[in-house]
Amino acid sequence: MELFNGRPEDLSGRLEREIRTYDYLDELGIEYLRTDHERADNMEACNEIDKVLGVIICKNLFLCNRQKTAFYLLMMPGDKKFKTKELSAQINSARLSFADPEDMLKYLDIEPGSVSVMGLMNDKGHAVQLLIDEDVLEGEYLGCHPCVCTSSLKMKTADVIGKFLPATGHDFRKVHLVGED
């Protein structure tokens, strides 16, 4: 794996959702490093990518309540365990579960394994609430997918919070996850 500055020179063979992500970041003037790799749809694969990027890729979970009336995108450190009960209490939403792949496509234009904060640029109706673990916010950089799981990006956390989110019209809620048994 190599580390590149910005978008790929050759976009042939890339999905439209990935190209749209690069276009959006470039339009906002957000600098990023990129690496291309085999399909990375689990945290073990992401650990290898972390070494190349020099940052821990966020674990991104797309969740919903039982009634499917509230959707959440949770960003947390990849090495932290997710405890549903811990998060449910903080956001006053009982019975949280993983949202269906159809909902990922509908709201974020993302498929399983590619979930990322970048998908919020596709949530024009603001149906998804962003939740960010405080440890992610403390890092100078964060790693995420550009809406596909065959590339990964490293960018400044401040750019995601201060430029990307306002451009998408999304805010976030800080959560505290311990992740221990």
N, C-alpha and C. Protein backbone atom coordinates (compact mmCIF):
# COMPACT_ATOMS: atom_id res chain seq x y z
N MET A 1 0.84 -1.19 0.00
CA MET A 1 0.00 0.00 0.00
C MET A 1 0.88 1.24 0.00
N GLU A 2 0.49 2.19 -0.82
CA GLU A 2 1.20 3.46 -0.90
C GLU A 2 0.29 4.56 -0.38
N LEU A 3 0.91 5.64 0.06
CA LEU A 3 0.18 6.81 0.53
C LEU A 3 0.27 7.89 -0.53
N PHE A 4 -0.88 8.43 -0.91
CA PHE A 4 -0.96 9.46 -1.94
C PHE A 4 -1.58 10.73 -1.38
N ASN A 5 -1.20 11.86 -1.95
CA ASN A 5 -1.84 13.14 -1.62
C ASN A 5 -3.08 13.30 -2.49
N GLY A 6 -4.24 13.36 -1.86
CA GLY A 6 -5.47 13.66 -2.60
C GLY A 6 -6.01 12.54 -3.47
N ARG A 7 -6.84 12.97 -4.42
CA ARG A 7 -7.59 12.05 -5.28
C ARG A 7 -6.68 11.29 -6.23
N PRO A 8 -7.16 10.13 -6.73
CA PRO A 8 -6.39 9.38 -7.72
C PRO A 8 -6.33 10.14 -9.05
N GLU A 9 -5.22 10.03 -9.74
CA GLU A 9 -5.10 10.66 -11.06
C GLU A 9 -6.01 9.98 -12.07
N ASP A 10 -6.06 8.65 -12.01
CA ASP A 10 -6.90 7.88 -12.92
C ASP A 10 -8.15 7.42 -12.17
N LEU A 11 -9.30 7.90 -12.60
CA LEU A 11 -10.55 7.56 -11.92
C LEU A 11 -11.29 6.39 -12.56
N SER A 12 -10.71 5.81 -13.61
CA SER A 12 -11.39 4.70 -14.28
C SER A 12 -11.52 3.52 -13.31
N GLY A 13 -12.68 2.88 -13.36
CA GLY A 13 -12.93 1.74 -12.50
C GLY A 13 -13.38 2.10 -11.09
N ARG A 14 -13.45 3.38 -10.79
CA ARG A 14 -13.88 3.82 -9.45
C ARG A 14 -15.39 4.09 -9.47
N LEU A 15 -16.03 3.80 -8.35
CA LEU A 15 -17.48 4.03 -8.25
C LEU A 15 -17.79 5.52 -8.17
N GLU A 16 -18.94 5.88 -8.68
CA GLU A 16 -19.38 7.28 -8.67
C GLU A 16 -19.40 7.86 -7.26
N ARG A 17 -19.82 7.07 -6.27
CA ARG A 17 -19.89 7.58 -4.89
C ARG A 17 -18.50 7.93 -4.36
N GLU A 18 -17.48 7.19 -4.78
CA GLU A 18 -16.11 7.50 -4.37
C GLU A 18 -15.63 8.80 -5.03
N ILE A 19 -15.87 8.92 -6.32
CA ILE A 19 -15.46 10.13 -7.04
C ILE A 19 -16.16 11.36 -6.48
N ARG A 20 -17.44 11.21 -6.16
CA ARG A 20 -18.22 12.31 -5.55
C ARG A 20 -17.60 12.75 -4.22
N THR A 21 -17.07 11.79 -3.46
CA THR A 21 -16.42 12.11 -2.19
C THR A 21 -15.19 12.98 -2.42
N TYR A 22 -14.36 12.60 -3.38
CA TYR A 22 -13.16 13.39 -3.69
C TYR A 22 -13.55 14.77 -4.19
N ASP A 23 -14.56 14.83 -5.04
CA ASP A 23 -15.02 16.13 -5.56
C ASP A 23 -15.46 17.04 -4.42
N TYR A 24 -16.21 16.47 -3.49
CA TYR A 24 -16.74 17.24 -2.36
C TYR A 24 -15.61 17.76 -1.46
N LEU A 25 -14.68 16.89 -1.13
CA LEU A 25 -13.55 17.29 -0.28
C LEU A 25 -12.70 18.35 -0.97
N ASP A 26 -12.46 18.18 -2.26
CA ASP A 26 -11.67 19.15 -3.02
C ASP A 26 -12.39 20.50 -3.08
N GLU A 27 -13.69 20.45 -3.29
CA GLU A 27 -14.50 21.68 -3.35
C GLU A 27 -14.42 22.44 -2.02
N LEU A 28 -14.37 21.71 -0.92
CA LEU A 28 -14.30 22.34 0.41
C LEU A 28 -12.88 22.73 0.80
N GLY A 29 -11.91 22.36 -0.02
CA GLY A 29 -10.52 22.68 0.29
C GLY A 29 -9.95 21.86 1.43
N ILE A 30 -10.47 20.66 1.62
CA ILE A 30 -10.00 19.77 2.68
C ILE A 30 -8.89 18.89 2.12
N GLU A 31 -7.72 18.97 2.72
CA GLU A 31 -6.59 18.15 2.31
C GLU A 31 -6.72 16.77 2.94
N TYR A 32 -6.29 15.75 2.19
CA TYR A 32 -6.35 14.39 2.71
C TYR A 32 -5.28 13.54 2.06
N LEU A 33 -4.86 12.53 2.78
CA LEU A 33 -3.99 11.50 2.25
C LEU A 33 -4.86 10.29 1.96
N ARG A 34 -4.48 9.51 0.95
CA ARG A 34 -5.28 8.38 0.52
C ARG A 34 -4.41 7.18 0.26
N THR A 35 -4.94 6.02 0.59
CA THR A 35 -4.31 4.76 0.20
C THR A 35 -5.38 3.85 -0.39
N ASP A 36 -4.99 3.10 -1.41
CA ASP A 36 -5.89 2.13 -2.03
C ASP A 36 -5.46 0.74 -1.57
N HIS A 37 -6.43 -0.16 -1.43
CA HIS A 37 -6.15 -1.48 -0.86
C HIS A 37 -7.24 -2.46 -1.26
N GLU A 38 -7.02 -3.69 -0.89
CA GLU A 38 -8.06 -4.71 -1.07
C GLU A 38 -9.25 -4.35 -0.18
N ARG A 39 -10.36 -4.97 -0.44
CA ARG A 39 -11.59 -4.73 0.32
C ARG A 39 -11.30 -4.78 1.83
N ALA A 40 -11.62 -3.70 2.52
CA ALA A 40 -11.40 -3.62 3.98
C ALA A 40 -12.74 -3.43 4.66
N ASP A 41 -13.39 -4.54 4.96
CA ASP A 41 -14.72 -4.45 5.55
C ASP A 41 -14.77 -5.05 6.95
N ASN A 42 -13.59 -5.13 7.58
CA ASN A 42 -13.54 -5.56 8.98
C ASN A 42 -12.37 -4.85 9.65
N MET A 43 -12.38 -4.85 10.96
CA MET A 43 -11.37 -4.08 11.70
C MET A 43 -9.96 -4.68 11.56
N GLU A 44 -9.85 -5.98 11.32
CA GLU A 44 -8.53 -6.58 11.14
C GLU A 44 -7.85 -5.99 9.90
N ALA A 45 -8.60 -5.91 8.81
CA ALA A 45 -8.06 -5.33 7.58
C ALA A 45 -7.73 -3.85 7.80
N CYS A 46 -8.58 -3.18 8.55
CA CYS A 46 -8.35 -1.75 8.82
C CYS A 46 -7.09 -1.52 9.66
N ASN A 47 -6.75 -2.48 10.51
CA ASN A 47 -5.53 -2.35 11.32
C ASN A 47 -4.29 -2.24 10.45
N GLU A 48 -4.26 -2.99 9.35
CA GLU A 48 -3.13 -2.92 8.42
C GLU A 48 -3.09 -1.55 7.74
N ILE A 49 -4.24 -1.04 7.40
CA ILE A 49 -4.34 0.27 6.75
C ILE A 49 -3.94 1.37 7.73
N ASP A 50 -4.29 1.20 9.00
CA ASP A 50 -3.91 2.16 10.04
C ASP A 50 -2.41 2.41 10.03
N LYS A 51 -1.64 1.33 9.86
CA LYS A 51 -0.18 1.43 9.87
C LYS A 51 0.31 2.31 8.72
N VAL A 52 -0.32 2.17 7.55
CA VAL A 52 0.07 2.96 6.38
C VAL A 52 -0.32 4.43 6.58
N LEU A 53 -1.54 4.65 7.08
CA LEU A 53 -2.04 6.02 7.27
C LEU A 53 -1.42 6.70 8.48
N GLY A 54 -0.98 5.92 9.45
CA GLY A 54 -0.45 6.50 10.68
C GLY A 54 -1.54 7.05 11.57
N VAL A 55 -2.72 6.46 11.49
CA VAL A 55 -3.87 6.89 12.28
C VAL A 55 -4.83 5.71 12.42
N ILE A 56 -5.60 5.68 13.48
CA ILE A 56 -6.59 4.62 13.65
C ILE A 56 -7.83 4.97 12.86
N ILE A 57 -8.24 4.06 11.97
CA ILE A 57 -9.47 4.27 11.21
C ILE A 57 -10.64 4.15 12.18
N CYS A 58 -11.57 5.06 12.06
CA CYS A 58 -12.75 5.03 12.93
C CYS A 58 -13.61 3.81 12.63
N LYS A 59 -14.15 3.24 13.69
CA LYS A 59 -15.19 2.24 13.54
C LYS A 59 -16.47 3.05 13.34
N ASN A 60 -17.16 2.82 12.25
CA ASN A 60 -18.38 3.55 11.93
C ASN A 60 -19.54 2.58 11.93
N LEU A 61 -20.49 2.80 12.80
CA LEU A 61 -21.65 1.92 12.92
C LEU A 61 -22.90 2.68 12.54
N PHE A 62 -23.71 2.08 11.68
CA PHE A 62 -24.97 2.68 11.26
C PHE A 62 -26.08 1.98 12.03
N LEU A 63 -26.71 2.73 12.92
CA LEU A 63 -27.67 2.17 13.87
C LEU A 63 -29.05 2.78 13.69
N CYS A 64 -30.05 2.11 14.25
CA CYS A 64 -31.41 2.66 14.24
C CYS A 64 -32.16 2.17 15.47
N ASN A 65 -33.27 2.85 15.76
CA ASN A 65 -34.13 2.37 16.83
C ASN A 65 -35.02 1.25 16.27
N ARG A 66 -35.74 0.59 17.13
CA ARG A 66 -36.54 -0.56 16.71
C ARG A 66 -37.60 -0.17 15.68
N GLN A 67 -38.17 1.02 15.83
CA GLN A 67 -39.23 1.47 14.93
C GLN A 67 -38.70 1.99 13.59
N LYS A 68 -37.38 2.12 13.49
CA LYS A 68 -36.74 2.69 12.30
C LYS A 68 -37.21 4.12 12.02
N THR A 69 -37.38 4.85 13.11
CA THR A 69 -37.76 6.27 12.98
C THR A 69 -36.58 7.18 13.30
N ALA A 70 -35.50 6.61 13.82
CA ALA A 70 -34.30 7.37 14.13
C ALA A 70 -33.08 6.58 13.69
N PHE A 71 -32.20 7.25 12.94
CA PHE A 71 -30.98 6.62 12.44
C PHE A 71 -29.77 7.37 12.97
N TYR A 72 -28.73 6.62 13.30
CA TYR A 72 -27.52 7.18 13.90
C TYR A 72 -26.29 6.64 13.20
N LEU A 73 -25.32 7.51 13.01
CA LEU A 73 -24.00 7.11 12.55
C LEU A 73 -23.06 7.34 13.72
N LEU A 74 -22.49 6.26 14.24
CA LEU A 74 -21.60 6.34 15.39
C LEU A 74 -20.16 6.20 14.92
N MET A 75 -19.33 7.20 15.26
CA MET A 75 -17.89 7.14 15.00
C MET A 75 -17.19 6.90 16.33
N MET A 76 -16.40 5.84 16.37
CA MET A 76 -15.68 5.51 17.60
C MET A 76 -14.32 4.91 17.23
N PRO A 77 -13.37 4.92 18.16
CA PRO A 77 -12.07 4.31 17.86
C PRO A 77 -12.24 2.84 17.49
N GLY A 78 -11.48 2.41 16.51
CA GLY A 78 -11.59 1.05 16.03
C GLY A 78 -11.22 -0.01 17.05
N ASP A 79 -10.45 0.38 18.06
CA ASP A 79 -10.01 -0.59 19.06
C ASP A 79 -10.91 -0.62 20.30
N LYS A 80 -12.02 0.09 20.25
CA LYS A 80 -12.93 0.14 21.40
C LYS A 80 -14.14 -0.75 21.12
N LYS A 81 -14.57 -1.49 22.14
CA LYS A 81 -15.75 -2.34 22.00
C LYS A 81 -17.03 -1.50 22.06
N PHE A 82 -18.02 -1.92 21.26
CA PHE A 82 -19.31 -1.22 21.25
C PHE A 82 -20.29 -1.94 22.16
N LYS A 83 -20.87 -1.20 23.08
CA LYS A 83 -21.88 -1.73 23.99
C LYS A 83 -23.18 -0.95 23.76
N THR A 84 -24.17 -1.62 23.21
CA THR A 84 -25.44 -0.98 22.87
C THR A 84 -26.06 -0.27 24.07
N LYS A 85 -26.06 -0.93 25.20
CA LYS A 85 -26.68 -0.39 26.41
C LYS A 85 -26.04 0.94 26.83
N GLU A 86 -24.72 1.00 26.70
CA GLU A 86 -23.97 2.20 27.07
C GLU A 86 -24.39 3.40 26.22
N LEU A 87 -24.56 3.19 24.93
CA LEU A 87 -24.94 4.27 24.03
C LEU A 87 -26.42 4.61 24.18
N SER A 88 -27.27 3.61 24.27
CA SER A 88 -28.71 3.82 24.39
C SER A 88 -29.05 4.76 25.53
N ALA A 89 -28.40 4.59 26.65
CA ALA A 89 -28.66 5.42 27.82
C ALA A 89 -28.31 6.89 27.55
N GLN A 90 -27.24 7.12 26.79
CA GLN A 90 -26.80 8.50 26.54
C GLN A 90 -27.68 9.25 25.55
N ILE A 91 -28.26 8.53 24.62
CA ILE A 91 -29.06 9.21 23.59
C ILE A 91 -30.56 8.99 23.78
N ASN A 92 -30.93 8.35 24.90
CA ASN A 92 -32.34 8.10 25.21
C ASN A 92 -33.07 7.38 24.09
N SER A 93 -32.46 6.31 23.61
CA SER A 93 -33.07 5.52 22.55
C SER A 93 -32.90 4.05 22.89
N ALA A 94 -33.97 3.45 23.34
CA ALA A 94 -33.92 2.03 23.69
C ALA A 94 -33.94 1.18 22.42
N ARG A 95 -33.48 -0.03 22.57
CA ARG A 95 -33.52 -1.01 21.49
C ARG A 95 -32.78 -0.59 20.23
N LEU A 96 -31.58 -0.11 20.38
CA LEU A 96 -30.75 0.21 19.22
C LEU A 96 -30.29 -1.08 18.56
N SER A 97 -30.23 -1.06 17.25
CA SER A 97 -29.69 -2.20 16.52
C SER A 97 -29.01 -1.68 15.25
N PHE A 98 -28.36 -2.59 14.55
CA PHE A 98 -27.73 -2.19 13.29
C PHE A 98 -28.81 -1.99 12.24
N ALA A 99 -28.69 -0.93 11.49
CA ALA A 99 -29.66 -0.64 10.44
C ALA A 99 -29.43 -1.58 9.27
N ASP A 100 -30.45 -1.76 8.47
CA ASP A 100 -30.40 -2.63 7.31
C ASP A 100 -29.54 -2.03 6.20
N PRO A 101 -28.94 -2.89 5.38
CA PRO A 101 -28.17 -2.39 4.23
C PRO A 101 -28.99 -1.48 3.31
N GLU A 102 -30.27 -1.75 3.19
CA GLU A 102 -31.14 -0.90 2.35
C GLU A 102 -31.21 0.52 2.88
N ASP A 103 -31.20 0.65 4.21
CA ASP A 103 -31.23 1.98 4.82
C ASP A 103 -29.90 2.71 4.63
N MET A 104 -28.80 1.96 4.65
CA MET A 104 -27.49 2.56 4.39
C MET A 104 -27.47 3.18 2.99
N LEU A 105 -27.98 2.43 2.03
CA LEU A 105 -28.03 2.93 0.66
C LEU A 105 -28.98 4.12 0.54
N LYS A 106 -30.13 4.00 1.16
CA LYS A 106 -31.14 5.05 1.07
C LYS A 106 -30.65 6.38 1.63
N TYR A 107 -30.06 6.36 2.80
CA TYR A 107 -29.69 7.60 3.49
C TYR A 107 -28.25 8.07 3.22
N LEU A 108 -27.32 7.13 3.09
CA LEU A 108 -25.91 7.51 2.99
C LEU A 108 -25.27 7.15 1.64
N ASP A 109 -25.98 6.41 0.80
CA ASP A 109 -25.44 5.89 -0.46
C ASP A 109 -24.14 5.14 -0.19
N ILE A 110 -24.20 4.25 0.79
CA ILE A 110 -23.06 3.43 1.20
C ILE A 110 -23.53 2.00 1.39
N GLU A 111 -22.63 1.06 1.10
CA GLU A 111 -22.93 -0.35 1.31
C GLU A 111 -22.20 -0.86 2.55
N PRO A 112 -22.66 -1.98 3.13
CA PRO A 112 -22.00 -2.52 4.31
C PRO A 112 -20.50 -2.68 4.10
N GLY A 113 -19.72 -2.33 5.13
CA GLY A 113 -18.27 -2.40 5.06
C GLY A 113 -17.65 -1.08 4.64
N SER A 114 -18.46 -0.16 4.13
CA SER A 114 -17.95 1.12 3.64
C SER A 114 -18.48 2.30 4.45
N VAL A 115 -19.20 2.03 5.53
CA VAL A 115 -19.83 3.11 6.30
C VAL A 115 -18.78 4.11 6.76
N SER A 116 -19.11 5.39 6.59
CA SER A 116 -18.16 6.45 6.86
C SER A 116 -18.89 7.77 7.05
N VAL A 117 -18.27 8.66 7.80
CA VAL A 117 -18.80 10.01 7.97
C VAL A 117 -18.98 10.69 6.62
N MET A 118 -18.20 10.30 5.62
CA MET A 118 -18.30 10.89 4.29
C MET A 118 -19.69 10.69 3.69
N GLY A 119 -20.38 9.64 4.09
CA GLY A 119 -21.72 9.36 3.59
C GLY A 119 -22.74 10.44 3.94
N LEU A 120 -22.44 11.25 4.96
CA LEU A 120 -23.38 12.31 5.35
C LEU A 120 -23.57 13.34 4.25
N MET A 121 -22.63 13.43 3.31
CA MET A 121 -22.81 14.36 2.19
C MET A 121 -23.99 13.93 1.31
N ASN A 122 -24.39 12.66 1.41
CA ASN A 122 -25.51 12.14 0.62
C ASN A 122 -26.83 12.18 1.38
N ASP A 123 -26.81 12.53 2.65
CA ASP A 123 -28.02 12.58 3.49
C ASP A 123 -28.64 13.98 3.40
N LYS A 124 -29.24 14.26 2.27
CA LYS A 124 -29.80 15.60 2.01
C LYS A 124 -30.99 15.92 2.93
N GLY A 125 -31.69 14.88 3.38
CA GLY A 125 -32.85 15.09 4.26
C GLY A 125 -32.50 15.14 5.73
N HIS A 126 -31.22 15.02 6.05
CA HIS A 126 -30.73 15.05 7.43
C HIS A 126 -31.46 14.06 8.33
N ALA A 127 -31.61 12.85 7.82
CA ALA A 127 -32.29 11.79 8.56
C ALA A 127 -31.37 11.10 9.56
N VAL A 128 -30.06 11.26 9.38
CA VAL A 128 -29.09 10.55 10.20
C VAL A 128 -28.44 11.51 11.19
N GLN A 129 -28.44 11.12 12.47
CA GLN A 129 -27.78 11.91 13.50
C GLN A 129 -26.39 11.34 13.73
N LEU A 130 -25.39 12.21 13.70
CA LEU A 130 -24.01 11.80 13.91
C LEU A 130 -23.67 11.80 15.39
N LEU A 131 -23.10 10.69 15.86
CA LEU A 131 -22.63 10.54 17.23
C LEU A 131 -21.13 10.27 17.15
N ILE A 132 -20.34 11.04 17.90
CA ILE A 132 -18.89 10.86 17.86
C ILE A 132 -18.37 10.63 19.28
N ASP A 133 -17.66 9.53 19.44
CA ASP A 133 -17.03 9.26 20.73
C ASP A 133 -15.97 10.33 21.00
N GLU A 134 -15.89 10.76 22.24
CA GLU A 134 -14.98 11.84 22.61
C GLU A 134 -13.52 11.54 22.27
N ASP A 135 -13.13 10.27 22.28
CA ASP A 135 -11.75 9.92 21.94
C ASP A 135 -11.42 10.24 20.48
N VAL A 136 -12.39 10.11 19.59
CA VAL A 136 -12.18 10.46 18.18
C VAL A 136 -11.95 11.96 18.06
N LEU A 137 -12.71 12.73 18.82
CA LEU A 137 -12.60 14.19 18.76
C LEU A 137 -11.25 14.70 19.28
N GLU A 138 -10.62 13.92 20.15
CA GLU A 138 -9.33 14.33 20.72
C GLU A 138 -8.16 14.11 19.77
N GLY A 139 -8.34 13.25 18.77
CA GLY A 139 -7.26 12.97 17.83
C GLY A 139 -7.08 14.10 16.83
N GLU A 140 -5.83 14.38 16.46
CA GLU A 140 -5.56 15.42 15.46
C GLU A 140 -6.06 15.00 14.08
N TYR A 141 -5.96 13.70 13.80
CA TYR A 141 -6.38 13.16 12.51
C TYR A 141 -7.37 12.03 12.72
N LEU A 142 -8.15 11.76 11.67
CA LEU A 142 -9.00 10.59 11.69
C LEU A 142 -8.90 9.90 10.34
N GLY A 143 -9.19 8.61 10.35
CA GLY A 143 -9.18 7.82 9.14
C GLY A 143 -10.57 7.32 8.83
N CYS A 144 -10.93 7.30 7.55
CA CYS A 144 -12.24 6.82 7.14
C CYS A 144 -12.21 6.41 5.67
N HIS A 145 -13.26 5.75 5.24
CA HIS A 145 -13.40 5.36 3.84
C HIS A 145 -14.08 6.48 3.05
N PRO A 146 -13.74 6.63 1.76
CA PRO A 146 -14.43 7.60 0.90
C PRO A 146 -15.68 6.97 0.26
N CYS A 147 -16.55 6.40 1.11
CA CYS A 147 -17.81 5.76 0.69
C CYS A 147 -17.60 4.44 -0.05
N VAL A 148 -16.38 3.93 -0.07
CA VAL A 148 -16.07 2.59 -0.59
C VAL A 148 -15.02 1.98 0.34
N CYS A 149 -14.98 0.65 0.40
CA CYS A 149 -14.04 0.02 1.33
C CYS A 149 -12.75 -0.46 0.65
N THR A 150 -12.43 0.13 -0.50
CA THR A 150 -11.19 -0.23 -1.20
C THR A 150 -10.21 0.94 -1.22
N SER A 151 -10.54 2.01 -0.52
CA SER A 151 -9.64 3.15 -0.32
C SER A 151 -9.89 3.67 1.09
N SER A 152 -8.88 4.34 1.64
CA SER A 152 -9.02 4.95 2.96
C SER A 152 -8.35 6.31 2.95
N LEU A 153 -8.89 7.21 3.76
CA LEU A 153 -8.41 8.58 3.82
C LEU A 153 -7.92 8.93 5.22
N LYS A 154 -6.97 9.85 5.27
CA LYS A 154 -6.52 10.44 6.53
C LYS A 154 -6.70 11.94 6.37
N MET A 155 -7.43 12.55 7.30
CA MET A 155 -7.62 13.99 7.25
C MET A 155 -7.68 14.55 8.66
N LYS A 156 -7.52 15.85 8.76
CA LYS A 156 -7.57 16.49 10.07
C LYS A 156 -8.98 16.43 10.63
N THR A 157 -9.05 16.03 11.89
CA THR A 157 -10.34 15.97 12.57
C THR A 157 -11.01 17.34 12.55
N ALA A 158 -10.22 18.39 12.72
CA ALA A 158 -10.77 19.76 12.72
C ALA A 158 -11.41 20.10 11.38
N ASP A 159 -10.88 19.58 10.28
CA ASP A 159 -11.48 19.83 8.97
C ASP A 159 -12.82 19.12 8.82
N VAL A 160 -12.90 17.90 9.35
CA VAL A 160 -14.16 17.16 9.29
C VAL A 160 -15.22 17.89 10.11
N ILE A 161 -14.85 18.31 11.32
CA ILE A 161 -15.80 18.98 12.22
C ILE A 161 -16.11 20.40 11.76
N GLY A 162 -15.08 21.15 11.35
CA GLY A 162 -15.26 22.57 11.05
C GLY A 162 -15.60 22.92 9.62
N LYS A 163 -15.33 22.02 8.67
CA LYS A 163 -15.62 22.31 7.26
C LYS A 163 -16.62 21.33 6.66
N PHE A 164 -16.32 20.03 6.80
CA PHE A 164 -17.16 19.01 6.17
C PHE A 164 -18.58 18.98 6.74
N LEU A 165 -18.69 18.83 8.05
CA LEU A 165 -20.03 18.73 8.65
C LEU A 165 -20.89 19.96 8.39
N PRO A 166 -20.37 21.19 8.58
CA PRO A 166 -21.21 22.36 8.27
C PRO A 166 -21.66 22.38 6.80
N ALA A 167 -20.80 21.95 5.90
CA ALA A 167 -21.16 21.93 4.48
C ALA A 167 -22.30 20.95 4.20
N THR A 168 -22.35 19.86 4.97
CA THR A 168 -23.42 18.87 4.77
C THR A 168 -24.69 19.27 5.53
N GLY A 169 -24.58 20.25 6.41
CA GLY A 169 -25.73 20.65 7.23
C GLY A 169 -25.94 19.76 8.43
N HIS A 170 -24.94 18.96 8.77
CA HIS A 170 -25.05 18.07 9.93
C HIS A 170 -24.26 18.61 11.10
N ASP A 171 -24.77 18.33 12.28
CA ASP A 171 -24.07 18.62 13.51
C ASP A 171 -23.72 17.25 14.11
N PHE A 172 -23.15 17.23 15.28
CA PHE A 172 -22.86 15.95 15.92
C PHE A 172 -23.13 16.06 17.41
N ARG A 173 -23.26 14.90 18.00
CA ARG A 173 -23.42 14.80 19.45
C ARG A 173 -22.25 13.99 19.98
N LYS A 174 -21.56 14.55 20.96
CA LYS A 174 -20.43 13.86 21.57
C LYS A 174 -20.95 12.83 22.56
N VAL A 175 -20.39 11.62 22.49
CA VAL A 175 -20.76 10.56 23.42
C VAL A 175 -19.50 10.04 24.11
N HIS A 176 -19.71 9.43 25.25
CA HIS A 176 -18.61 8.85 26.04
C HIS A 176 -18.82 7.35 26.12
N LEU A 177 -17.99 6.62 25.42
CA LEU A 177 -18.08 5.17 25.43
C LEU A 177 -16.86 4.59 26.11
N VAL A 178 -17.09 3.76 27.11
CA VAL A 178 -16.00 3.11 27.83
C VAL A 178 -15.58 1.85 27.08
N GLY A 179 -16.58 1.09 26.63
CA GLY A 179 -16.31 -0.09 25.83
C GLY A 179 -15.71 -1.26 26.57
N GLU A 180 -15.81 -1.26 27.87
CA GLU A 180 -15.27 -2.37 28.66
C GLU A 180 -16.39 -3.25 29.16
N ASP A 181 -16.04 -4.52 29.45
CA ASP A 181 -17.05 -5.45 29.98
C ASP A 181 -17.39 -5.14 31.41
